[in-house]
C-alpha atoms as a PDB file:
ATOM      1  CA  MET A   1      -5.351  -9.619  18.441  1.00  0.00           C
ATOM      2  CA  ARG A   2      -1.430  -8.776  18.294  1.00  0.00           C
ATOM      3  CA  LYS A   3      -0.988  -9.241  14.611  1.00  0.00           C
ATOM      4  CA  LYS A   4       2.743 -12.256  14.083  1.00  0.00           C
ATOM      5  CA  LYS A   5       5.836  -9.826  13.654  1.00  0.00           C
ATOM      6  CA  ILE A   6       7.421 -10.584  10.016  1.00  0.00           C
ATOM      7  CA  LYS A   7      11.578 -10.947   9.854  1.00  0.00           C
ATOM      8  CA  ILE A   8      12.060  -9.137   6.676  1.00  0.00           C
ATOM      9  CA  THR A   9      15.562 -10.346   3.850  1.00  0.00           C
ATOM     10  CA  VAL A  10      16.637  -8.131   1.109  1.00  0.00           C
ATOM     11  CA  LEU A  11      18.654  -9.703  -1.479  1.00  0.00           C
ATOM     12  CA  ILE A  12      20.669  -8.165  -3.527  1.00  0.00           C
ATOM     13  CA  PRO A  13      23.107 -10.001  -6.250  1.00  0.00           C
ATOM     14  CA  ALA A  14      25.400  -7.809  -7.626  1.00  0.00           C
ATOM     15  CA  HIS A  15      28.123  -7.961 -10.759  1.00  0.00           C
ATOM     16  CA  ASN A  16      30.699  -4.836 -11.266  1.00  0.00           C
ATOM     17  CA  GLU A  17      28.302  -2.785  -9.325  1.00  0.00           C
ATOM     18  CA  GLU A  18      30.891  -0.454  -8.206  1.00  0.00           C
ATOM     19  CA  LYS A  19      28.648   3.042  -9.228  1.00  0.00           C
ATOM     20  CA  MET A  20      25.773   2.223  -7.455  1.00  0.00           C
ATOM     21  CA  ILE A  21      25.933  -0.572  -4.922  1.00  0.00           C
ATOM     22  CA  ALA A  22      26.406   2.355  -1.841  1.00  0.00           C
ATOM     23  CA  ALA A  23      23.175   3.402  -2.912  1.00  0.00           C
ATOM     24  CA  CYS A  24      21.487   0.456  -3.243  1.00  0.00           C
ATOM     25  CA  VAL A  25      22.512  -1.033   0.605  1.00  0.00           C
ATOM     26  CA  ASN A  26      22.129   2.397   2.516  1.00  0.00           C
ATOM     27  CA  SER A  27      18.602   2.502   0.596  1.00  0.00           C
ATOM     28  CA  CYS A  28      18.057  -0.746   2.208  1.00  0.00           C
ATOM     29  CA  LEU A  29      19.682   0.780   5.433  1.00  0.00           C
ATOM     30  CA  ASN A  30      17.674   3.460   5.946  1.00  0.00           C
ATOM     31  CA  GLN A  31      14.053   2.054   5.520  1.00  0.00           C
ATOM     32  CA  THR A  32      11.454   3.338   7.993  1.00  0.00           C
ATOM     33  CA  ARG A  33      10.919  -0.095   8.601  1.00  0.00           C
ATOM     34  CA  ARG A  34      14.423  -1.546   9.037  1.00  0.00           C
ATOM     35  CA  ALA A  35      14.895  -5.077   7.012  1.00  0.00           C
ATOM     36  CA  ASP A  36      16.161  -7.848   9.679  1.00  0.00           C
ATOM     37  CA  GLN A  37      18.944  -9.093   7.194  1.00  0.00           C
ATOM     38  CA  ILE A  38      20.616  -7.716   4.197  1.00  0.00           C
ATOM     39  CA  ILE A  39      22.252 -10.567   2.104  1.00  0.00           C
ATOM     40  CA  VAL A  40      24.763  -8.913  -1.130  1.00  0.00           C
ATOM     41  CA  ILE A  41      25.914 -11.466  -3.469  1.00  0.00           C
ATOM     42  CA  ASN A  42      29.070 -10.201  -4.928  1.00  0.00           C
ATOM     43  CA  ASP A  43      29.174 -12.387  -7.973  1.00  0.00           C
ATOM     44  CA  GLY A  44      32.632 -12.239  -9.542  1.00  0.00           C
ATOM     45  CA  SER A  45      33.039  -9.006  -9.750  1.00  0.00           C
ATOM     46  CA  THR A  46      36.032  -7.735 -10.708  1.00  0.00           C
ATOM     47  CA  ASP A  47      35.952  -4.009 -10.245  1.00  0.00           C
ATOM     48  CA  ALA A  48      35.318  -2.314  -6.848  1.00  0.00           C
ATOM     49  CA  THR A  49      32.087  -3.838  -5.306  1.00  0.00           C
ATOM     50  CA  ALA A  50      33.759  -6.035  -3.186  1.00  0.00           C
ATOM     51  CA  GLN A  51      35.593  -3.419  -1.035  1.00  0.00           C
ATOM     52  CA  ILE A  52      32.699  -0.957  -1.017  1.00  0.00           C
ATOM     53  CA  LEU A  53      30.498  -4.149   0.469  1.00  0.00           C
ATOM     54  CA  GLU A  54      33.072  -4.290   3.309  1.00  0.00           C
ATOM     55  CA  ARG A  55      32.902  -0.819   4.537  1.00  0.00           C
ATOM     56  CA  PHE A  56      29.080  -2.022   5.531  1.00  0.00           C
ATOM     57  CA  GLY A  57      30.652  -4.211   8.197  1.00  0.00           C
ATOM     58  CA  GLU A  58      28.540  -6.275   9.923  1.00  0.00           C
ATOM     59  CA  LYS A  59      25.297  -4.040   8.530  1.00  0.00           C
ATOM     60  CA  ILE A  60      25.243  -6.131   5.772  1.00  0.00           C
ATOM     61  CA  GLU A  61      26.007 -10.148   4.915  1.00  0.00           C
ATOM     62  CA  VAL A  62      28.287 -10.869   1.792  1.00  0.00           C
ATOM     63  CA  ILE A  63      28.342 -14.252  -0.021  1.00  0.00           C
ATOM     64  CA  THR A  64      31.175 -14.229  -3.003  1.00  0.00           C
ATOM     65  CA  ALA A  65      31.008 -16.167  -5.946  1.00  0.00           C
ATOM     66  CA  THR A  66      34.616 -16.118  -6.802  1.00  0.00           C
ATOM     67  CA  THR A  67      33.574 -16.630 -10.310  1.00  0.00           C
ATOM     68  CA  ALA A  68      31.045 -14.587 -11.672  1.00  0.00           C
ATOM     69  CA  THR A  69      27.899 -17.315 -12.313  1.00  0.00           C
ATOM     70  CA  GLY A  70      26.704 -15.678 -15.334  1.00  0.00           C
ATOM     71  CA  ASN A  71      22.894 -15.366 -14.547  1.00  0.00           C
ATOM     72  CA  LYS A  72      20.893 -13.865 -11.724  1.00  0.00           C
ATOM     73  CA  SER A  73      18.960 -16.325 -10.898  1.00  0.00           C
ATOM     74  CA  ARG A  74      22.042 -18.563  -9.991  1.00  0.00           C
ATOM     75  CA  ALA A  75      23.419 -15.457  -7.567  1.00  0.00           C
ATOM     76  CA  GLN A  76      19.957 -15.275  -6.494  1.00  0.00           C
ATOM     77  CA  GLU A  77      19.956 -19.280  -5.205  1.00  0.00           C
ATOM     78  CA  LEU A  78      23.099 -18.988  -3.553  1.00  0.00           C
ATOM     79  CA  SER A  79      21.806 -17.093  -0.857  1.00  0.00           C
ATOM     80  CA  ILE A  80      18.749 -18.892  -0.282  1.00  0.00           C
ATOM     81  CA  PRO A  81      20.109 -21.224   2.484  1.00  0.00           C
ATOM     82  CA  HIS A  82      21.927 -18.305   4.526  1.00  0.00           C
ATOM     83  CA  VAL A  83      18.035 -16.299   4.093  1.00  0.00           C
ATOM     84  CA  LYS A  84      16.256 -16.010   7.892  1.00  0.00           C
ATOM     85  CA  GLY A  85      13.421 -13.770   7.127  1.00  0.00           C
ATOM     86  CA  ASP A  86      10.292 -15.027   6.220  1.00  0.00           C
ATOM     87  CA  LEU A  87       9.632 -12.363   3.885  1.00  0.00           C
ATOM     88  CA  ILE A  88      12.298 -11.672   0.144  1.00  0.00           C
ATOM     89  CA  VAL A  89      12.860  -8.337  -1.357  1.00  0.00           C
ATOM     90  CA  ALA A  90      14.186  -9.295  -4.383  1.00  0.00           C
ATOM     91  CA  THR A  91      15.908  -6.118  -5.768  1.00  0.00           C
ATOM     92  CA  ASP A  92      19.143  -5.069  -8.011  1.00  0.00           C
ATOM     93  CA  GLY A  93      22.545  -3.324  -7.284  1.00  0.00           C
ATOM     94  CA  ASP A  94      21.337  -0.616  -9.833  1.00  0.00           C
ATOM     95  CA  THR A  95      18.287  -0.028  -7.615  1.00  0.00           C
ATOM     96  CA  MET A  96      17.401   2.309  -4.442  1.00  0.00           C
ATOM     97  CA  LEU A  97      13.730   1.397  -2.442  1.00  0.00           C
ATOM     98  CA  ASP A  98      11.917   4.316  -1.310  1.00  0.00           C
ATOM     99  CA  ARG A  99      12.203   4.441   2.506  1.00  0.00           C
ATOM    100  CA  ASP A 100       8.547   3.310   2.771  1.00  0.00           C
ATOM    101  CA  PHE A 101       9.042  -0.194   0.515  1.00  0.00           C
ATOM    102  CA  ILE A 102       9.492  -2.308   3.303  1.00  0.00           C
ATOM    103  CA  ARG A 103       6.684  -0.926   5.761  1.00  0.00           C
ATOM    104  CA  LEU A 104       3.863  -1.243   2.916  1.00  0.00           C
ATOM    105  CA  VAL A 105       4.842  -4.276   1.892  1.00  0.00           C
ATOM    106  CA  GLU A 106       4.991  -5.432   5.351  1.00  0.00           C
ATOM    107  CA  LYS A 107       1.258  -4.033   5.372  1.00  0.00           C
ATOM    108  CA  ASP A 108       0.495  -5.842   2.525  1.00  0.00           C
ATOM    109  CA  PHE A 109       1.800  -9.214   4.258  1.00  0.00           C
ATOM    110  CA  LEU A 110       0.089  -8.592   7.574  1.00  0.00           C
ATOM    111  CA  ASP A 111      -3.127  -7.667   5.904  1.00  0.00           C
ATOM    112  CA  ASP A 112      -3.477 -10.511   3.754  1.00  0.00           C
ATOM    113  CA  PRO A 113      -2.445 -14.451   5.262  1.00  0.00           C
ATOM    114  CA  GLU A 114      -2.989 -16.114   1.707  1.00  0.00           C
ATOM    115  CA  LEU A 115      -0.660 -13.160  -0.209  1.00  0.00           C
ATOM    116  CA  LYS A 116       1.919 -14.788  -1.455  1.00  0.00           C
ATOM    117  CA  VAL A 117       4.214 -11.892  -3.400  1.00  0.00           C
ATOM    118  CA  VAL A 118       3.679  -8.224  -4.274  1.00  0.00           C
ATOM    119  CA  ALA A 119       4.988  -6.487  -7.076  1.00  0.00           C
ATOM    120  CA  GLY A 120       6.441  -3.223  -6.757  1.00  0.00           C
ATOM    121  CA  TYR A 121       6.253  -0.079  -8.355  1.00  0.00           C
ATOM    122  CA  VAL A 122       9.379   0.693 -10.519  1.00  0.00           C
ATOM    123  CA  GLN A 123      10.423   4.753 -11.375  1.00  0.00           C
ATOM    124  CA  SER A 124      13.552   5.464 -14.118  1.00  0.00           C
ATOM    125  CA  THR A 125      15.805   7.756 -12.076  1.00  0.00           C
ATOM    126  CA  LYS A 126      16.684  11.242 -14.587  1.00  0.00           C
ATOM    127  CA  ASN A 127      19.577  11.190 -16.702  1.00  0.00           C
ATOM    128  CA  ASN A 128      19.164  11.544 -20.667  1.00  0.00           C
ATOM    129  CA  ILE A 129      16.181  11.273 -23.320  1.00  0.00           C
ATOM    130  CA  LEU A 130      16.521   7.513 -23.281  1.00  0.00           C
ATOM    131  CA  THR A 131      15.436   7.133 -19.740  1.00  0.00           C
ATOM    132  CA  ALA A 132      13.185   9.737 -19.785  1.00  0.00           C
ATOM    133  CA  LEU A 133      11.036   7.596 -22.881  1.00  0.00           C
ATOM    134  CA  ARG A 134      11.549   4.267 -20.456  1.00  0.00           C
ATOM    135  CA  GLU A 135       9.991   6.699 -17.499  1.00  0.00           C
ATOM    136  CA  ILE A 136       6.819   7.401 -19.701  1.00  0.00           C
ATOM    137  CA  ASP A 137       6.701   3.754 -20.883  1.00  0.00           C
ATOM    138  CA  TYR A 138       7.132   2.474 -16.449  1.00  0.00           C
ATOM    139  CA  THR A 139       4.030   4.860 -15.457  1.00  0.00           C
ATOM    140  CA  VAL A 140       1.320   3.914 -18.367  1.00  0.00           C
ATOM    141  CA  GLY A 141       2.749   0.312 -18.335  1.00  0.00           C
ATOM    142  CA  GLN A 142       1.826  -0.129 -14.385  1.00  0.00           C
ATOM    143  CA  ASP A 143      -0.564   2.425 -14.143  1.00  0.00           C
ATOM    144  CA  ILE A 144      -2.948   1.072 -17.127  1.00  0.00           C
ATOM    145  CA  LEU A 145      -1.205  -2.220 -17.849  1.00  0.00           C
ATOM    146  CA  LYS A 146      -0.487  -3.842 -14.924  1.00  0.00           C
ATOM    147  CA  LEU A 147      -3.270  -2.334 -13.004  1.00  0.00           C
ATOM    148  CA  ALA A 148      -5.502  -3.959 -15.847  1.00  0.00           C
ATOM    149  CA  GLN A 149      -3.411  -7.141 -15.238  1.00  0.00           C
ATOM    150  CA  SER A 150      -4.286  -7.625 -10.895  1.00  0.00           C
ATOM    151  CA  HIS A 151      -8.063  -7.033 -12.295  1.00  0.00           C
ATOM    152  CA  LEU A 152      -7.857 -10.104 -13.909  1.00  0.00           C
ATOM    153  CA  TYR A 153      -5.771 -11.858 -11.603  1.00  0.00           C
ATOM    154  CA  PHE A 154      -2.791 -12.420 -13.769  1.00  0.00           C
ATOM    155  CA  LEU A 155       0.834 -10.222 -13.663  1.00  0.00           C
ATOM    156  CA  LEU A 156       2.703 -10.386 -16.465  1.00  0.00           C
ATOM    157  CA  VAL A 157       5.457  -9.929 -14.704  1.00  0.00           C
ATOM    158  CA  ILE A 158       6.489  -9.259 -10.482  1.00  0.00           C
ATOM    159  CA  PRO A 159      10.114  -6.704 -11.451  1.00  0.00           C
ATOM    160  CA  GLY A 160      13.064  -8.477 -10.709  1.00  0.00           C
ATOM    161  CA  CYS A 161      14.272  -5.314  -8.905  1.00  0.00           C
ATOM    162  CA  ALA A 162      10.726  -4.774  -6.650  1.00  0.00           C
ATOM    163  CA  GLY A 163       9.636  -7.905  -5.883  1.00  0.00           C
ATOM    164  CA  VAL A 164       8.483  -9.753  -2.451  1.00  0.00           C
ATOM    165  CA  PHE A 165       7.675 -13.588  -1.899  1.00  0.00           C
ATOM    166  CA  ARG A 166       7.601 -15.448   1.036  1.00  0.00           C
ATOM    167  CA  ALA A 167      10.414 -17.501   2.135  1.00  0.00           C
ATOM    168  CA  GLU A 168       8.857 -20.850   1.944  1.00  0.00           C
ATOM    169  CA  LEU A 169       8.464 -20.329  -1.126  1.00  0.00           C
ATOM    170  CA  PHE A 170      12.012 -21.283  -2.319  1.00  0.00           C
ATOM    171  CA  LYS A 171      12.944 -22.957   0.913  1.00  0.00           C
ATOM    172  CA  ASN A 172      10.129 -25.488   0.493  1.00  0.00           C
ATOM    173  CA  LYS A 173      11.205 -25.611  -3.510  1.00  0.00           C
ATOM    174  CA  ILE A 174       8.011 -24.701  -4.483  1.00  0.00           C
ATOM    175  CA  ILE A 175       9.465 -22.336  -6.675  1.00  0.00           C
ATOM    176  CA  THR A 176      12.375 -23.480  -8.546  1.00  0.00           C
ATOM    177  CA  PHE A 177      15.565 -21.942  -9.966  1.00  0.00           C
ATOM    178  CA  ASP A 178      15.288 -24.020 -13.144  1.00  0.00           C
ATOM    179  CA  HIS A 179      18.452 -21.461 -15.210  1.00  0.00           C
ATOM    180  CA  ASP A 180      17.051 -22.161 -17.905  1.00  0.00           C
ATOM    181  CA  THR A 181      15.708 -18.738 -19.116  1.00  0.00           C
ATOM    182  CA  ILE A 182      17.285 -15.207 -18.987  1.00  0.00           C
ATOM    183  CA  THR A 183      14.682 -13.593 -17.536  1.00  0.00           C
ATOM    184  CA  GLU A 184      14.311 -15.066 -14.357  1.00  0.00           C
ATOM    185  CA  ASP A 185      11.664 -12.628 -12.208  1.00  0.00           C
ATOM    186  CA  LEU A 186       8.946 -13.158 -15.448  1.00  0.00           C
ATOM    187  CA  ASP A 187      10.266 -17.021 -14.812  1.00  0.00           C
ATOM    188  CA  PHE A 188       9.086 -17.134 -11.376  1.00  0.00           C
ATOM    189  CA  THR A 189       5.629 -14.961 -11.999  1.00  0.00           C
ATOM    190  CA  TYR A 190       4.728 -17.988 -14.448  1.00  0.00           C
ATOM    191  CA  LYS A 191       4.763 -20.470 -11.600  1.00  0.00           C
ATOM    192  CA  ILE A 192       3.354 -18.805  -9.256  1.00  0.00           C
ATOM    193  CA  ASN A 193       0.564 -18.044 -12.041  1.00  0.00           C
ATOM    194  CA  GLY A 194       0.331 -21.690 -12.519  1.00  0.00           C
ATOM    195  CA  PHE A 195       0.144 -22.327  -8.949  1.00  0.00           C
ATOM    196  CA  GLY A 196      -2.816 -19.660  -8.530  1.00  0.00           C
ATOM    197  CA  MET A 197      -1.127 -18.165  -6.135  1.00  0.00           C
ATOM    198  CA  LYS A 198      -2.117 -15.122  -4.764  1.00  0.00           C
ATOM    199  CA  ILE A 199      -0.190 -12.100  -5.946  1.00  0.00           C
ATOM    200  CA  LYS A 200      -0.635  -8.037  -5.394  1.00  0.00           C
ATOM    201  CA  PHE A 201       0.083  -5.223  -7.154  1.00  0.00           C
ATOM    202  CA  ASN A 202       1.289  -1.866  -4.654  1.00  0.00           C
ATOM    203  CA  PRO A 203       1.597   0.794  -6.619  1.00  0.00           C
ATOM    204  CA  HIS A 204       3.143   2.562  -3.782  1.00  0.00           C
ATOM    205  CA  ALA A 205       6.112   0.886  -3.019  1.00  0.00           C
ATOM    206  CA  LYS A 206       8.242   2.395  -5.214  1.00  0.00           C
ATOM    207  CA  VAL A 207      12.026   1.193  -6.332  1.00  0.00           C
ATOM    208  CA  TYR A 208      14.125   4.055  -8.389  1.00  0.00           C
ATOM    209  CA  THR A 209      15.880   1.869 -11.021  1.00  0.00           C
ATOM    210  CA  GLN A 210      18.674   2.594 -13.248  1.00  0.00           C
ATOM    211  CA  ASP A 211      17.951   2.002 -17.042  1.00  0.00           C
ATOM    212  CA  PRO A 212      20.176   1.762 -20.142  1.00  0.00           C
ATOM    213  CA  PRO A 213      21.797   5.059 -20.867  1.00  0.00           C
ATOM    214  CA  THR A 214      22.469   4.704 -24.438  1.00  0.00           C
ATOM    215  CA  ILE A 215      21.100   3.468 -27.330  1.00  0.00           C
ATOM    216  CA  HIS A 216      23.387  -0.051 -27.651  1.00  0.00           C
ATOM    217  CA  SER A 217      23.422  -0.673 -23.763  1.00  0.00           C
ATOM    218  CA  TYR A 218      19.210  -0.493 -24.057  1.00  0.00           C
ATOM    219  CA  ILE A 219      18.795  -2.571 -28.025  1.00  0.00           C
ATOM    220  CA  ASN A 220      21.152  -5.209 -25.513  1.00  0.00           C
ATOM    221  CA  GLN A 221      18.765  -4.926 -22.846  1.00  0.00           C
ATOM    222  CA  ILE A 222      15.110  -5.534 -24.597  1.00  0.00           C
ATOM    223  CA  ARG A 223      17.252  -7.777 -26.604  1.00  0.00           C
ATOM    224  CA  ARG A 224      17.119  -9.893 -22.844  1.00  0.00           C
ATOM    225  CA  TRP A 225      13.707  -8.959 -22.234  1.00  0.00           C
ATOM    226  CA  TYR A 226      11.759  -9.403 -25.093  1.00  0.00           C
ATOM    227  CA  GLY A 227      14.328 -12.625 -25.794  1.00  0.00           C
ATOM    228  CA  GLY A 228      13.283 -13.848 -22.027  1.00  0.00           C
ATOM    229  CA  GLY A 229       9.526 -13.276 -22.759  1.00  0.00           C
ATOM    230  CA  TRP A 230       9.580 -15.252 -25.845  1.00  0.00           C
ATOM    231  CA  GLN A 231      11.328 -18.011 -23.539  1.00  0.00           C
ATOM    232  CA  ASN A 232       9.011 -18.571 -20.860  1.00  0.00           C
ATOM    233  CA  LEU A 233       6.044 -18.059 -23.053  1.00  0.00           C
ATOM    234  CA  ARG A 234       7.531 -21.071 -25.263  1.00  0.00           C
ATOM    235  CA  LYS A 235       7.907 -22.644 -21.712  1.00  0.00           C
ATOM    236  CA  HIS A 236       4.780 -21.984 -19.315  1.00  0.00           C
ATOM    237  CA  PHE A 237       2.554 -22.112 -22.808  1.00  0.00           C
ATOM    238  CA  LYS A 238       0.107 -24.755 -21.022  1.00  0.00           C
ATOM    239  CA  ILE A 239      -0.028 -21.995 -18.416  1.00  0.00           C
ATOM    240  CA  VAL A 240      -1.651 -19.436 -21.287  1.00  0.00           C
ATOM    241  CA  ILE A 241      -3.677 -22.227 -22.487  1.00  0.00           C
ATOM    242  CA  SER A 242      -5.190 -23.218 -19.379  1.00  0.00           C
ATOM    243  CA  ARG A 243      -6.176 -19.636 -17.969  1.00  0.00           C
ATOM    244  CA  PRO A 244      -8.292 -17.404 -19.844  1.00  0.00           C
ATOM    245  CA  SER A 245      -6.876 -14.448 -18.419  1.00  0.00           C
ATOM    246  CA  ALA A 246      -3.494 -14.984 -19.350  1.00  0.00           C
ATOM    247  CA  ALA A 247      -4.579 -15.836 -22.715  1.00  0.00           C
ATOM    248  CA  LEU A 248      -5.576 -11.894 -22.913  1.00  0.00           C
ATOM    249  CA  VAL A 249      -2.799 -10.332 -21.699  1.00  0.00           C
ATOM    250  CA  LEU A 250      -0.322 -12.069 -23.723  1.00  0.00           C
ATOM    251  CA  THR A 251      -2.345 -11.679 -26.347  1.00  0.00           C
ATOM    252  CA  SER A 252      -2.151  -8.117 -26.128  1.00  0.00           C
ATOM    253  CA  ILE A 253       1.519  -7.862 -25.693  1.00  0.00           C
ATOM    254  CA  TYR A 254       2.967 -10.508 -28.063  1.00  0.00           C
ATOM    255  CA  VAL A 255      -0.122 -10.760 -31.075  1.00  0.00           C
ATOM    256  CA  GLU A 256      -0.279  -7.224 -31.296  1.00  0.00           C
ATOM    257  CA  GLY A 257       3.095  -6.273 -30.463  1.00  0.00           C
ATOM    258  CA  MET A 258       3.898  -8.795 -33.722  1.00  0.00           C
ATOM    259  CA  VAL A 259       1.539  -7.527 -35.739  1.00  0.00           C
ATOM    260  CA  LEU A 260       1.938  -4.118 -35.297  1.00  0.00           C
ATOM    261  CA  GLY A 261       6.046  -4.613 -35.778  1.00  0.00           C
ATOM    262  CA  LEU A 262       5.212  -5.679 -38.953  1.00  0.00           C
ATOM    263  CA  THR A 263       2.684  -3.355 -40.127  1.00  0.00           C
ATOM    264  CA  VAL A 264       5.032  -0.726 -39.315  1.00  0.00           C
ATOM    265  CA  PHE A 265       8.085  -2.237 -41.191  1.00  0.00           C
ATOM    266  CA  VAL A 266       5.935  -3.217 -44.289  1.00  0.00           C
ATOM    267  CA  SER A 267       3.204  -0.547 -45.037  1.00  0.00           C
ATOM    268  CA  PRO A 268       5.884   2.058 -46.290  1.00  0.00           C
ATOM    269  CA  PHE A 269       6.499  -0.468 -49.238  1.00  0.00           C
ATOM    270  CA  VAL A 270       3.143  -1.469 -49.342  1.00  0.00           C
ATOM    271  CA  ASN A 271       1.506   1.946 -49.128  1.00  0.00           C
ATOM    272  CA  PHE A 272       3.485   5.108 -47.998  1.00  0.00           C
ATOM    273  CA  LYS A 273       0.712   7.262 -46.919  1.00  0.00           C
ATOM    274  CA  LEU A 274      -0.353   4.139 -44.832  1.00  0.00           C
ATOM    275  CA  PHE A 275       3.322   4.454 -43.344  1.00  0.00           C
ATOM    276  CA  ILE A 276       2.919   8.566 -42.320  1.00  0.00           C
ATOM    277  CA  ILE A 277      -0.712   7.754 -40.904  1.00  0.00           C
ATOM    278  CA  ILE A 278       0.226   4.529 -38.641  1.00  0.00           C
ATOM    279  CA  PHE A 279       3.415   7.205 -37.373  1.00  0.00           C
ATOM    280  CA  SER A 280       1.061   9.855 -37.032  1.00  0.00           C
ATOM    281  CA  LEU A 281      -1.437   7.426 -34.651  1.00  0.00           C
ATOM    282  CA  TYR A 282       2.164   6.746 -32.954  1.00  0.00           C
ATOM    283  CA  PHE A 283       2.991  10.217 -32.466  1.00  0.00           C
ATOM    284  CA  LEU A 284      -0.385  10.837 -31.152  1.00  0.00           C
ATOM    285  CA  ASN A 285      -0.350   8.042 -29.084  1.00  0.00           C
ATOM    286  CA  GLY A 286       3.131   9.050 -27.500  1.00  0.00           C
ATOM    287  CA  PHE A 287       1.657  12.550 -27.278  1.00  0.00           C
ATOM    288  CA  GLY A 288      -1.012  11.348 -24.968  1.00  0.00           C
ATOM    289  CA  ALA A 289       1.592   9.015 -22.947  1.00  0.00           C
ATOM    290  CA  GLY A 290       3.920  11.534 -22.344  1.00  0.00           C
ATOM    291  CA  LEU A 291       1.340  14.080 -21.220  1.00  0.00           C
ATOM    292  CA  TYR A 292      -0.416  10.917 -18.850  1.00  0.00           C
ATOM    293  CA  SER A 293       3.226  10.803 -17.620  1.00  0.00           C
ATOM    294  CA  SER A 294       3.999  14.703 -17.164  1.00  0.00           C
ATOM    295  CA  ILE A 295       1.564  14.796 -14.947  1.00  0.00           C
ATOM    296  CA  ARG A 296       1.096  11.772 -13.277  1.00  0.00           C
ATOM    297  CA  LYS A 297       4.778  12.308 -11.955  1.00  0.00           C
ATOM    298  CA  ARG A 298       4.840  16.012 -11.723  1.00  0.00           C
ATOM    299  CA  ARG A 299       8.059  15.685 -14.717  1.00  0.00           C
ATOM    300  CA  PHE A 300       7.336  17.773 -17.398  1.00  0.00           C
ATOM    301  CA  ASP A 301      10.360  17.374 -19.344  1.00  0.00           C
ATOM    302  CA  LEU A 302       8.406  14.130 -20.342  1.00  0.00           C
ATOM    303  CA  LEU A 303       6.757  16.383 -22.824  1.00  0.00           C
ATOM    304  CA  LEU A 304       9.838  17.149 -24.211  1.00  0.00           C
ATOM    305  CA  VAL A 305      10.843  13.750 -25.337  1.00  0.00           C
ATOM    306  CA  VAL A 306       7.428  13.038 -27.408  1.00  0.00           C
ATOM    307  CA  PRO A 307       8.427  13.176 -30.702  1.00  0.00           C
ATOM    308  CA  PHE A 308      11.226  10.354 -30.011  1.00  0.00           C
ATOM    309  CA  ILE A 309       8.358   7.812 -28.819  1.00  0.00           C
ATOM    310  CA  PRO A 310       7.416   6.727 -32.066  1.00  0.00           C
ATOM    311  CA  PHE A 311      11.264   5.780 -32.771  1.00  0.00           C
ATOM    312  CA  MET A 312      11.680   3.827 -29.353  1.00  0.00           C
ATOM    313  CA  ILE A 313       8.240   1.771 -30.402  1.00  0.00           C
ATOM    314  CA  MET A 314       9.594   0.780 -33.849  1.00  0.00           C
ATOM    315  CA  ILE A 315      13.148   0.171 -32.350  1.00  0.00           C
ATOM    316  CA  ASN A 316      11.000  -2.158 -29.926  1.00  0.00           C
ATOM    317  CA  SER A 317       8.998  -4.033 -32.253  1.00  0.00           C
ATOM    318  CA  TYR A 318      12.297  -4.242 -34.230  1.00  0.00           C
ATOM    319  CA  VAL A 319      13.959  -6.295 -31.047  1.00  0.00           C
ATOM    320  CA  LEU A 320      10.486  -7.875 -30.923  1.00  0.00           C
ATOM    321  CA  MET A 321      10.259  -9.958 -34.472  1.00  0.00           C
ATOM    322  CA  GLU A 322      14.612 -10.091 -34.417  1.00  0.00           C
ATOM    323  CA  GLN A 323      13.808 -12.783 -30.904  1.00  0.00           C
ATOM    324  CA  PHE A 324      10.577 -13.812 -32.247  1.00  0.00           C
ATOM    325  CA  VAL A 325      12.575 -15.252 -34.974  1.00  0.00           C
ATOM    326  CA  LYS A 326      16.122 -16.637 -32.721  1.00  0.00           C
ATOM    327  CA  GLU A 327      13.840 -18.084 -29.752  1.00  0.00           C
ATOM    328  CA  ILE A 328      10.822 -19.647 -31.796  1.00  0.00           C
ATOM    329  CA  ILE A 329      12.017 -20.215 -34.892  1.00  0.00           C
ATOM    330  CA  LEU A 330      15.236 -20.897 -34.774  1.00  0.00           C
ATOM    331  CA  ARG A 331      15.412 -22.048 -31.163  1.00  0.00           C
ATOM    332  CA  ARG A 332      18.476 -19.825 -30.729  1.00  0.00           C
ATOM    333  CA  THR A 333      18.176 -19.408 -26.858  1.00  0.00           C
ATOM    334  CA  ASN A 334      20.277 -16.979 -25.803  1.00  0.00           C
ATOM    335  CA  MET A 335      21.742 -17.424 -21.807  1.00  0.00           C
ATOM    336  CA  LYS A 336      24.456 -14.394 -21.739  1.00  0.00           C
ATOM    337  CA  TRP A 337      23.550 -11.971 -19.482  1.00  0.00           C
ATOM    338  CA  PHE A 338      23.506  -8.666 -20.295  1.00  0.00           C
ATOM    339  CA  HIS A 339      25.324  -6.171 -17.732  1.00  0.00           C
ATOM    340  CA  PRO A 340      24.462  -2.212 -18.556  1.00  0.00           C
ATOM    341  CA  LYS A 341      26.948   0.658 -18.022  1.00  0.00           C
ATOM    342  CA  ARG A 342      26.214   2.638 -14.807  1.00  0.00           C
ATOM    343  CA  LEU A 343      26.649   5.997 -15.008  1.00  0.00           C
ATOM    344  CA  GLY A 344      26.775   6.099 -10.993  1.00  0.00           C
ATOM    345  CA  LEU A 345      23.945   7.861  -8.111  1.00  0.00           C
ATOM    346  CA  THR A 346      21.444   9.520 -10.257  1.00  0.00           C
ATOM    347  CA  PRO A 347      18.707  11.769  -8.370  1.00  0.00           C
ATOM    348  CA  LYS A 348      15.160   9.781  -7.701  1.00  0.00           C
ATOM    349  CA  SER A 349      12.465  11.148  -9.560  1.00  0.00           C
END
């Protein structure tokens, strides 16, 4: 029996992405299975993004918000009435799709009519020590943690730069744009998990994204991620307590993160030897992660950044606790979208 052809739309929100938007769009155009529609939402850009998009002519559709919405989910929502596809590939203006991305996710949906969402695999493009550390984090987080989550039937997050959804979820307003958290991808994932919809993690459907290249931009980025994490946990807490798999996944991330973070910052004042032991254990754990990642990605430069992993863990732990205080205790909800510095096109990892 011949399978029904699926129409596929790619959505790309873009705000001041002049350094990366051409590479992003070209990666969508150069797929082994071409998209049926590519929509770029120019979200009030004040740089050369609009002029670059004009060069693609009729190959893409551009929706322009004259004033920046200040929130990615608002920019995405603008595009939904224009979507003609059965599937929506959601990505970002700083991200490049692997040439086989659309072909692989299309096969997932053709093989399983019950499937509602596919989460792709994110890799960080090479740049410096920080982006190498992010690549180690991505590798371990996806190869081990996300794979484990998929077996528990509760993916914590469908990546905002590598998520594929059945368009009916948004067109029929089964999944809505609430604009009340700063991490819309996490909000969507909680809702989909709450409905018990089928999600698949496809580690072969890859995208290459540009991570923040400086400490300042990195900290601002994880403030958004962790702040949005606490916002969504508070918003969707009923889902957590109603599903054992959700409770297990979230406990391992948030409770363990808080406990480890407090241990790191309290132990030097209680027992310095204990702090050295904990720091050494972090280093050994980081060495294992770095070794695995370097072999897995055939990037032996990743081993060179292993000594920096304990310091990165300390930064992450501090920001996780900081955002817990702001978002949960003080209820100072942050809805400001941070736009990190772009460095232009970099080679794939």
